[in-house]
């Protein structure tokens, strides 16, 4: 190699080293005959793209959920006991308020005291005052605390089968304590709902009328034991109407 060519080669090598150093990469010294593995591609951009896609999907799902909630509208409010009673909406009966007083019941239902009669009675072998009004009667303890309401007048238009399908399985099913002339009665107790239904069915064959509600008893939501021991759940000689 001539001196001129040697100087040119050294200058070119120096320029290459400076270029690599300026770019931030360390100079690479290779041994003759050595092989190098290709540098694996970084996965950071792919991971970032995946994270961004997941975030976009989450935002989209949240928007869909929000739209569905807006379309569905606000959840329906739970009916008050007085509203459910006046509407005979037994499927959505919320239970009698546990500390309901007679004055509140009379006001909430628009009853007229002058149209009521009262007499001493018993409920689960305990003294009670029974107040009779057109289509409804109620039992009092502790002078004016309402513990049980029985409706025999405005019972609604729902069939017993449809109503029982809405209410689900009863806590107890047995012979009706509320008797009705010309019919056999069955009582379905939903203690956890504060509700007991009496269904009347015709004696005749073929039946002279379809099954119908004969009475509804209303009380504070409780368990079956309390219904039996405190609310006359096993009392017999029920009314005949």
Protein backbone atom coordinates (compact mmCIF):
# COMPACT_ATOMS: atom_id res chain seq x y z
CA UNK A 1 0.00 0.00 0.00
CA UNK A 2 1.33 3.44 -0.91
CA UNK A 3 1.56 6.21 1.71
CA UNK A 4 -1.21 8.16 -0.05
CA UNK A 5 -3.61 5.28 -0.03
CA UNK A 6 -2.75 4.51 3.62
CA UNK A 7 -3.51 8.05 4.70
CA UNK A 8 -6.81 7.98 2.79
CA UNK A 9 -7.89 4.72 4.46
CA UNK A 10 -7.03 6.02 7.94
CA UNK A 11 -9.04 9.20 7.30
CA UNK A 12 -12.05 7.20 6.14
CA UNK A 13 -11.86 4.95 9.23
CA UNK A 14 -11.61 7.95 11.56
CA UNK A 15 -14.61 9.57 9.86
CA UNK A 16 -16.65 6.38 10.35
CA UNK A 17 -15.75 6.19 14.06
CA UNK A 18 -16.69 9.85 14.63
CA UNK A 19 -20.01 9.38 12.83
CA UNK A 20 -20.96 6.41 14.99
CA UNK A 21 -19.95 8.22 18.18
CA UNK A 22 -21.97 11.31 17.24
CA UNK A 23 -25.05 9.16 16.63
CA UNK A 24 -24.83 7.79 20.19
CA UNK A 25 -23.72 4.28 19.24
CA UNK A 26 -20.42 2.92 20.58
CA UNK A 27 -17.91 1.85 18.00
CA UNK A 28 -18.04 -1.80 17.18
CA UNK A 29 -14.81 -3.78 16.90
CA UNK A 30 -15.21 -7.03 15.07
CA UNK A 31 -12.71 -9.80 15.01
CA UNK A 32 -12.05 -11.43 11.75
CA UNK A 33 -14.23 -14.45 11.23
CA UNK A 34 -16.57 -13.56 14.15
CA UNK A 35 -20.32 -13.66 13.59
CA UNK A 36 -22.88 -11.41 15.26
CA UNK A 37 -26.53 -12.05 15.97
CA UNK A 38 -29.02 -9.52 14.68
CA UNK A 39 -30.29 -7.15 17.35
CA UNK A 40 -33.84 -8.23 18.34
CA UNK A 41 -36.46 -5.61 17.52
CA UNK A 42 -37.83 -3.75 20.50
CA UNK A 43 -41.43 -4.55 21.57
CA UNK A 44 -42.11 -1.28 23.36
CA UNK A 45 -44.02 0.30 20.46
CA UNK A 46 -46.20 -2.82 20.11
CA UNK A 47 -46.91 -2.90 23.86
CA UNK A 48 -47.78 0.77 23.87
CA UNK A 49 -50.14 0.27 20.94
CA UNK A 50 -51.81 -2.66 22.75
CA UNK A 51 -52.27 -0.58 25.91
CA UNK A 52 -53.72 2.27 23.88
CA UNK A 53 -56.15 -0.13 22.17
CA UNK A 54 -57.30 -1.54 25.51
CA UNK A 55 -57.86 1.97 26.84
CA UNK A 56 -59.90 2.88 23.76
CA UNK A 57 -62.00 -0.27 24.17
CA UNK A 58 -62.65 0.54 27.83
CA UNK A 59 -63.76 4.05 26.93
CA UNK A 60 -66.06 2.68 24.22
CA UNK A 61 -67.62 0.16 26.61
CA UNK A 62 -68.16 2.85 29.23
CA UNK A 63 -69.91 5.00 26.63
CA UNK A 64 -72.15 2.09 25.63
CA UNK A 65 -73.03 1.39 29.30
CA UNK A 66 -73.81 5.05 29.89
CA UNK A 67 -76.04 5.14 26.82
CA UNK A 68 -77.89 2.01 27.92
CA UNK A 69 -78.43 3.47 31.40
CA UNK A 70 -79.76 6.68 29.89
CA UNK A 71 -82.14 4.74 27.64
CA UNK A 72 -83.36 2.64 30.57
CA UNK A 73 -84.20 5.76 32.58
CA UNK A 74 -84.25 6.03 36.37
CA UNK A 75 -85.12 2.96 38.45
CA UNK A 76 -88.78 2.88 39.49
CA UNK A 77 -89.41 4.11 43.03
CA UNK A 78 -90.68 1.63 45.59
CA UNK A 79 -94.39 2.19 46.19
CA UNK A 80 -95.50 3.26 49.66
CA UNK A 81 -97.70 0.86 51.59
CA UNK A 82 -100.70 3.18 51.13
CA UNK A 83 -100.15 3.48 47.35
CA UNK A 84 -99.82 -0.29 46.95
CA UNK A 85 -102.88 -0.91 49.10
CA UNK A 86 -105.08 1.60 47.26
CA UNK A 87 -103.95 0.22 43.90
CA UNK A 88 -104.29 -3.41 45.06
CA UNK A 89 -100.73 -3.89 43.77
CA UNK A 90 -99.94 -6.95 45.85
CA UNK A 91 -97.01 -8.04 43.67
CA UNK A 92 -95.13 -4.90 44.78
CA UNK A 93 -96.38 -4.78 48.35
CA UNK A 94 -93.54 -3.29 50.47
CA UNK A 95 -94.81 -4.50 53.84
CA UNK A 96 -96.74 -2.70 56.54
CA UNK A 97 -94.62 -0.11 58.42
CA UNK A 98 -93.58 -1.81 61.71
CA UNK A 99 -94.63 1.13 63.91
CA UNK A 100 -97.80 2.12 62.04
CA UNK A 101 -100.37 3.91 64.23
CA UNK A 102 -104.09 3.91 63.68
CA UNK A 103 -104.24 7.65 63.05
CA UNK A 104 -101.68 7.30 60.26
CA UNK A 105 -103.55 4.38 58.67
CA UNK A 106 -106.87 6.26 58.77
CA UNK A 107 -105.24 9.34 57.22
CA UNK A 108 -103.23 7.45 54.57
CA UNK A 109 -106.20 5.39 53.38
CA UNK A 110 -108.79 8.14 53.72
CA UNK A 111 -110.94 6.09 56.11
CA UNK A 112 -113.78 7.74 58.01
CA UNK A 113 -113.82 6.89 61.68
CA UNK A 114 -117.58 7.36 61.75
CA UNK A 115 -117.94 4.42 59.34
CA UNK A 116 -115.89 2.03 61.52
CA UNK A 117 -116.89 -0.23 64.37
CA UNK A 118 -114.54 -1.75 66.93
CA UNK A 119 -114.68 -4.59 69.38
CA UNK A 120 -112.36 -6.61 71.57
CA UNK A 121 -110.89 -9.74 70.03
CA UNK A 122 -107.93 -12.11 70.02
CA UNK A 123 -104.95 -12.58 67.75
CA UNK A 124 -102.63 -15.54 68.42
CA UNK A 125 -104.18 -15.90 71.90
CA UNK A 126 -103.41 -12.32 72.75
CA UNK A 127 -105.85 -9.49 73.25
CA UNK A 128 -106.40 -7.12 70.36
CA UNK A 129 -108.90 -4.54 69.21
CA UNK A 130 -110.51 -5.32 65.86
CA UNK A 131 -111.69 -2.36 63.79
CA UNK A 132 -114.15 -3.03 60.97
CA UNK A 133 -114.58 -0.73 57.96
CA UNK A 134 -116.18 -1.30 54.55
CA UNK A 135 -113.97 -3.77 52.66
CA UNK A 136 -111.18 -3.70 55.24
CA UNK A 137 -110.51 -4.45 58.88
CA UNK A 138 -107.45 -4.13 61.06
CA UNK A 139 -106.11 -5.32 64.40
CA UNK A 140 -104.66 -3.02 67.06
CA UNK A 141 -102.29 -3.74 69.91
CA UNK A 142 -100.82 -1.35 72.47
CA UNK A 143 -103.93 0.83 72.11
CA UNK A 144 -103.28 2.13 68.58
CA UNK A 145 -100.50 0.14 66.91
CA UNK A 146 -101.69 -1.50 63.67
CA UNK A 147 -100.30 -5.05 63.41
CA UNK A 148 -102.51 -6.62 60.75
CA UNK A 149 -104.75 -5.37 57.94
CA UNK A 150 -107.19 -7.59 56.08
CA UNK A 151 -108.64 -6.51 52.73
CA UNK A 152 -111.76 -8.16 51.34
CA UNK A 153 -113.13 -5.37 49.16
CA UNK A 154 -110.98 -3.87 46.39
CA UNK A 155 -108.66 -6.80 45.66
CA UNK A 156 -107.58 -5.83 42.14
CA UNK A 157 -107.98 -7.55 38.81
CA UNK A 158 -104.91 -9.82 38.74
CA UNK A 159 -105.74 -13.51 38.65
CA UNK A 160 -104.42 -15.63 41.54
CA UNK A 161 -102.22 -17.60 39.11
CA UNK A 162 -100.62 -14.45 37.68
CA UNK A 163 -100.11 -12.96 41.12
CA UNK A 164 -98.52 -16.11 42.52
CA UNK A 165 -96.20 -16.28 39.49
CA UNK A 166 -94.99 -12.76 40.31
CA UNK A 167 -94.59 -13.45 44.02
CA UNK A 168 -92.72 -16.73 43.65
CA UNK A 169 -92.77 -19.66 46.09
CA UNK A 170 -94.87 -19.15 49.22
CA UNK A 171 -93.43 -19.70 52.69
CA UNK A 172 -96.50 -21.76 53.52
CA UNK A 173 -99.52 -23.11 51.66
CA UNK A 174 -102.49 -24.58 53.47
CA UNK A 175 -106.21 -24.63 54.05
CA UNK A 176 -107.65 -21.14 54.08
CA UNK A 177 -108.53 -19.57 57.42
CA UNK A 178 -110.77 -17.10 55.63
CA UNK A 179 -113.90 -19.01 54.66
CA UNK A 180 -116.26 -18.21 51.84
CA UNK A 181 -119.68 -19.72 51.11
CA UNK A 182 -119.80 -22.08 48.12
CA UNK A 183 -116.04 -22.26 47.78
CA UNK A 184 -112.96 -23.94 49.13
CA UNK A 185 -110.16 -21.59 50.17
CA UNK A 186 -106.39 -21.94 50.20
CA UNK A 187 -103.99 -19.60 51.97
CA UNK A 188 -100.55 -18.69 50.58
CA UNK A 189 -98.28 -16.98 53.11
CA UNK A 190 -95.34 -14.80 52.02
CA UNK A 191 -94.02 -13.86 55.44
CA UNK A 192 -90.90 -12.18 54.09
CA UNK A 193 -93.10 -9.89 51.99
CA UNK A 194 -95.64 -9.17 54.74
CA UNK A 195 -98.43 -10.72 52.71
CA UNK A 196 -100.90 -13.63 52.86
CA UNK A 197 -103.31 -14.43 50.02
CA UNK A 198 -106.53 -16.43 50.34
CA UNK A 199 -107.72 -17.92 47.04
CA UNK A 200 -111.28 -19.21 46.64
CA UNK A 201 -112.16 -21.95 44.16
CA UNK A 202 -115.58 -23.21 43.20
CA UNK A 203 -116.95 -26.41 44.73
CA UNK A 204 -118.91 -27.15 41.58
CA UNK A 205 -117.85 -29.39 38.72
CA UNK A 206 -117.50 -27.86 36.29
CA UNK A 207 -116.53 -24.79 38.33
CA UNK A 208 -119.16 -22.08 38.49
CA UNK A 209 -116.45 -19.38 38.67
CA UNK A 210 -112.69 -19.21 38.07
CA UNK A 211 -110.29 -19.06 41.03
CA UNK A 212 -110.37 -15.60 42.65
CA UNK A 213 -108.86 -13.70 45.53
CA UNK A 214 -111.07 -13.84 48.60
CA UNK A 215 -108.89 -11.90 51.03
CA UNK A 216 -105.44 -10.41 51.47
CA UNK A 217 -103.76 -10.04 54.86
CA UNK A 218 -101.05 -7.38 55.19
CA UNK A 219 -98.42 -7.03 57.90
CA UNK A 220 -94.82 -5.98 58.42
CA UNK A 221 -92.29 -8.24 56.68
CA UNK A 222 -91.25 -10.97 59.08
CA UNK A 223 -90.50 -14.70 59.27
CA UNK A 224 -93.08 -17.48 59.32
CA UNK A 225 -92.63 -18.19 63.05
CA UNK A 226 -93.58 -14.63 63.99
CA UNK A 227 -96.55 -14.75 61.63
CA UNK A 228 -97.81 -17.84 63.44
CA UNK A 229 -97.06 -16.75 67.02
CA UNK A 230 -97.91 -13.05 66.81
CA UNK A 231 -100.24 -12.55 63.84
CA UNK A 232 -102.70 -15.39 64.14
CA UNK A 233 -101.10 -17.56 61.49
CA UNK A 234 -102.64 -20.69 63.03
CA UNK A 235 -105.90 -19.15 64.27
CA UNK A 236 -108.94 -21.04 63.06
CA UNK A 237 -112.64 -20.22 62.89
CA UNK A 238 -111.87 -17.43 60.45
CA UNK A 239 -114.55 -15.13 59.10
CA UNK A 240 -117.14 -16.43 56.68
CA UNK A 241 -118.29 -13.93 54.02
